[in-house]
Amino acid sequence: MTDERRRSEEEAAADPAAASSEGIDEEADSEQTTREVADAFDSRPADRSDEGRPDADPLEVARAETAQYREHLQRLQAEFENYRKRVLREQTQAVELAARPVIDRLLEVLDDFDLALMHAQDRPDFDRFLHGVELVYAKLVDTLRAEGLERIEAQGKPFDPEQHEALMQSGDGDGDPVVADVLRPGYTLKGRVLRPAGVRVERK
């Protein structure tokens, strides 16, 4: 045993309270160091968004967000309502103006009818009046044909319920029905039936 160790043991035997105190201080320092190391590993970045501000009331925050959402929704609703009204107005105008080209061409036919009637009153000549009416009629047909209107050719055709409307029926035969007479002309507009032809159907 060395002299230094002997002296240490002698000092501890002479003053046991000091030795105990020194051991307690070393244990306390060790525990503090352990806690600091553990805190260093477990620590997370502090949220600095609220630094310098008092803690906000969650209820007030929820109310503020609700007010913002409500305001945003009301603004979107108003914008959509304005959009809907604008689209409806534009569609209405488009429908109203779609017939304008046809009306413009029909005005010419109307002018021709006016002239024919005026001449018929001034100089009653049936042949000339008839010829004038035929010209106006042909012009009207051409105008409507240019817009896609076509007359349904039904005379003598097999009865077709999609294109023909049976207004009368005759014959007692067992054969397929055939259009015997056209009582009211039918028309198609751009390939679609606008009005079926009113016909008399006959079975032979």
Protein backbone atom coordinates (compact mmCIF):
# COMPACT_ATOMS: atom_id res chain seq x y z
CA MET A 1 0.00 0.00 0.00
CA THR A 2 1.43 3.38 -0.98
CA ASP A 3 1.91 6.27 1.35
CA GLU A 4 -0.68 8.40 -0.54
CA ARG A 5 -3.39 5.77 -0.22
CA ARG A 6 -2.53 5.24 3.44
CA ARG A 7 -2.88 8.95 4.09
CA SER A 8 -6.27 9.02 2.30
CA GLU A 9 -7.60 6.17 4.36
CA GLU A 10 -6.34 7.75 7.52
CA GLU A 11 -8.04 11.06 6.60
CA ALA A 12 -11.29 9.23 5.88
CA ALA A 13 -11.12 7.40 9.17
CA ALA A 14 -10.38 10.61 10.98
CA ASP A 15 -13.23 12.56 9.24
CA PRO A 16 -15.95 10.15 7.97
CA ALA A 17 -18.48 12.98 7.40
CA ALA A 18 -16.28 14.73 4.85
CA ALA A 19 -15.78 11.54 2.89
CA SER A 20 -19.50 10.90 2.77
CA SER A 21 -20.21 14.44 1.61
CA GLU A 22 -17.68 14.18 -1.18
CA GLY A 23 -19.28 10.94 -2.41
CA ILE A 24 -22.75 12.48 -2.41
CA ASP A 25 -21.53 15.48 -4.42
CA GLU A 26 -19.94 13.25 -7.02
CA GLU A 27 -23.17 11.17 -7.34
CA ALA A 28 -25.29 14.32 -7.71
CA ASP A 29 -22.98 15.67 -10.42
CA SER A 30 -23.22 12.33 -12.26
CA GLU A 31 -27.04 12.32 -12.14
CA GLN A 32 -27.21 15.92 -13.40
CA THR A 33 -24.89 15.14 -16.28
CA THR A 34 -27.01 12.12 -17.18
CA ARG A 35 -30.20 14.24 -17.23
CA GLU A 36 -28.56 16.89 -19.41
CA VAL A 37 -27.43 14.28 -21.93
CA ALA A 38 -30.90 12.71 -22.00
CA ASP A 39 -32.55 16.09 -22.44
CA ALA A 40 -30.21 16.90 -25.28
CA PHE A 41 -31.22 13.74 -27.18
CA ASP A 42 -34.96 14.05 -26.46
CA SER A 43 -35.31 17.76 -27.15
CA ARG A 44 -37.29 18.93 -30.26
CA PRO A 45 -37.10 22.23 -32.18
CA ALA A 46 -39.16 24.79 -30.37
CA ASP A 47 -42.19 26.22 -32.17
CA ARG A 48 -41.25 29.85 -32.64
CA SER A 49 -44.43 30.90 -34.46
CA ASP A 50 -46.00 32.08 -31.24
CA GLU A 51 -42.89 33.69 -29.78
CA GLY A 52 -43.64 37.10 -28.45
CA ARG A 53 -47.43 36.43 -28.50
CA PRO A 54 -49.65 35.19 -25.73
CA ASP A 55 -51.18 31.74 -26.15
CA ALA A 56 -54.32 32.04 -28.34
CA ASP A 57 -57.63 30.66 -27.17
CA PRO A 58 -58.45 27.57 -29.30
CA LEU A 59 -62.13 28.56 -29.35
CA GLU A 60 -61.31 32.02 -30.68
CA VAL A 61 -59.00 30.51 -33.30
CA ALA A 62 -61.78 28.13 -34.41
CA ARG A 63 -64.27 31.00 -34.61
CA ALA A 64 -61.88 33.08 -36.68
CA GLU A 65 -61.27 30.20 -39.11
CA THR A 66 -65.02 29.56 -39.36
CA ALA A 67 -65.62 33.22 -40.20
CA GLN A 68 -62.94 33.07 -42.90
CA TYR A 69 -64.41 29.91 -44.43
CA ARG A 70 -67.90 31.43 -44.35
CA GLU A 71 -66.71 34.59 -46.06
CA HIS A 72 -64.89 32.57 -48.71
CA LEU A 73 -67.94 30.39 -49.32
CA GLN A 74 -70.24 33.40 -49.61
CA ARG A 75 -67.88 34.99 -52.12
CA LEU A 76 -67.77 31.80 -54.20
CA GLN A 77 -71.55 31.53 -54.05
CA ALA A 78 -71.96 35.11 -55.27
CA GLU A 79 -69.46 34.56 -58.09
CA PHE A 80 -71.23 31.36 -59.19
CA GLU A 81 -74.62 33.09 -59.13
CA ASN A 82 -73.28 35.90 -61.31
CA TYR A 83 -71.75 33.32 -63.68
CA ARG A 84 -75.04 31.40 -63.89
CA LYS A 85 -77.00 34.56 -64.70
CA ARG A 86 -74.46 35.61 -67.33
CA VAL A 87 -74.53 32.20 -69.02
CA LEU A 88 -78.34 32.15 -68.99
CA ARG A 89 -78.44 35.63 -70.50
CA GLU A 90 -75.93 34.70 -73.21
CA GLN A 91 -77.83 31.51 -74.04
CA THR A 92 -81.11 33.42 -74.29
CA GLN A 93 -79.51 35.98 -76.59
CA ALA A 94 -77.96 33.23 -78.70
CA VAL A 95 -81.35 31.54 -79.15
CA GLU A 96 -83.04 34.82 -79.99
CA LEU A 97 -80.38 35.78 -82.52
CA ALA A 98 -80.17 32.29 -84.06
CA ALA A 99 -83.38 32.89 -86.02
CA ARG A 100 -82.27 36.29 -87.31
CA PRO A 101 -80.64 35.09 -90.56
CA VAL A 102 -83.77 33.08 -91.44
CA ILE A 103 -86.04 36.01 -90.60
CA ASP A 104 -83.93 38.30 -92.78
CA ARG A 105 -84.40 36.00 -95.77
CA LEU A 106 -88.10 35.54 -95.06
CA LEU A 107 -88.55 39.31 -95.06
CA GLU A 108 -87.66 39.26 -98.75
CA VAL A 109 -90.39 36.70 -99.35
CA LEU A 110 -92.82 38.83 -97.38
CA ASP A 111 -91.90 41.85 -99.54
CA ASP A 112 -92.62 39.82 -102.67
CA PHE A 113 -96.02 38.82 -101.32
CA ASP A 114 -96.82 42.46 -100.63
CA LEU A 115 -95.89 43.43 -104.19
CA ALA A 116 -97.96 40.59 -105.64
CA LEU A 117 -101.02 41.63 -103.67
CA MET A 118 -100.60 45.30 -104.65
CA HIS A 119 -100.38 44.44 -108.35
CA ALA A 120 -103.37 42.14 -108.08
CA GLN A 121 -105.46 44.98 -106.68
CA ASP A 122 -104.32 47.53 -109.29
CA ARG A 123 -104.54 45.24 -112.33
CA PRO A 124 -106.53 42.11 -111.59
CA ASP A 125 -105.03 39.54 -113.89
CA PHE A 126 -105.36 36.02 -112.55
CA ASP A 127 -102.67 34.47 -114.72
CA ARG A 128 -100.08 37.07 -113.82
CA PHE A 129 -101.10 36.95 -110.18
CA LEU A 130 -100.80 33.17 -110.13
CA HIS A 131 -97.40 33.35 -111.77
CA GLY A 132 -96.24 35.89 -109.19
CA VAL A 133 -97.46 33.75 -106.32
CA GLU A 134 -95.66 30.73 -107.77
CA LEU A 135 -92.43 32.71 -107.93
CA VAL A 136 -92.80 33.85 -104.33
CA TYR A 137 -93.61 30.31 -103.23
CA ALA A 138 -90.53 28.93 -104.99
CA LYS A 139 -88.41 31.59 -103.28
CA LEU A 140 -89.86 30.65 -99.91
CA VAL A 141 -89.16 26.97 -100.50
CA ASP A 142 -85.57 27.73 -101.50
CA THR A 143 -85.06 29.83 -98.38
CA LEU A 144 -86.34 27.10 -96.09
CA ARG A 145 -84.43 24.40 -97.95
CA ALA A 146 -81.23 26.36 -97.41
CA GLU A 147 -81.90 26.08 -93.68
CA GLY A 148 -82.25 22.29 -93.88
CA LEU A 149 -86.02 21.96 -94.33
CA GLU A 150 -87.16 19.15 -96.62
CA ARG A 151 -90.62 17.84 -97.46
CA ILE A 152 -91.34 14.21 -96.67
CA GLU A 153 -92.19 12.30 -99.84
CA ALA A 154 -95.05 10.10 -98.63
CA GLN A 155 -97.35 9.48 -101.60
CA GLY A 156 -97.40 5.76 -102.45
CA LYS A 157 -94.78 4.92 -99.84
CA PRO A 158 -95.15 2.16 -97.24
CA PHE A 159 -96.60 3.54 -94.05
CA ASP A 160 -93.84 4.59 -91.63
CA PRO A 161 -95.09 5.62 -88.18
CA GLU A 162 -91.92 7.68 -87.65
CA GLN A 163 -92.62 9.85 -90.70
CA HIS A 164 -96.35 9.45 -91.27
CA GLU A 165 -99.41 10.10 -89.14
CA ALA A 166 -102.46 8.09 -90.13
CA LEU A 167 -105.40 10.52 -90.21
CA MET A 168 -107.65 8.17 -92.19
CA GLN A 169 -107.65 4.49 -93.03
CA SER A 170 -109.38 2.55 -95.78
CA GLY A 171 -109.35 -0.89 -97.34
CA ASP A 172 -110.05 -4.27 -95.85
CA GLY A 173 -107.07 -6.17 -97.21
CA ASP A 174 -104.42 -8.00 -95.25
CA GLY A 175 -101.46 -6.37 -97.01
CA ASP A 176 -99.02 -3.88 -95.59
CA PRO A 177 -100.43 -0.35 -95.14
CA VAL A 178 -99.55 2.09 -97.89
CA VAL A 179 -99.95 5.87 -98.03
CA ALA A 180 -102.81 6.45 -100.45
CA ASP A 181 -103.15 10.23 -100.05
CA VAL A 182 -101.22 13.02 -98.36
CA LEU A 183 -103.65 15.19 -96.42
CA ARG A 184 -101.03 17.36 -94.78
CA PRO A 185 -97.41 17.62 -95.92
CA GLY A 186 -94.70 16.59 -93.49
CA TYR A 187 -91.21 18.03 -93.15
CA THR A 188 -87.80 17.14 -91.81
CA LEU A 189 -85.29 19.65 -90.49
CA LYS A 190 -81.68 18.65 -91.08
CA GLY A 191 -82.64 14.98 -91.27
CA ARG A 192 -84.94 14.95 -88.24
CA VAL A 193 -88.70 14.78 -88.47
CA LEU A 194 -90.09 18.21 -87.75
CA ARG A 195 -93.69 17.30 -88.49
CA PRO A 196 -94.95 13.91 -89.72
CA ALA A 197 -97.03 13.85 -92.87
CA GLY A 198 -100.75 13.45 -92.26
CA VAL A 199 -101.86 10.68 -94.59
CA ARG A 200 -104.67 8.34 -95.54
CA VAL A 201 -103.55 4.74 -95.15
CA GLU A 202 -104.91 1.99 -97.34
CA ARG A 203 -104.60 -1.77 -97.02
CA LYS A 204 -105.03 -3.86 -100.15
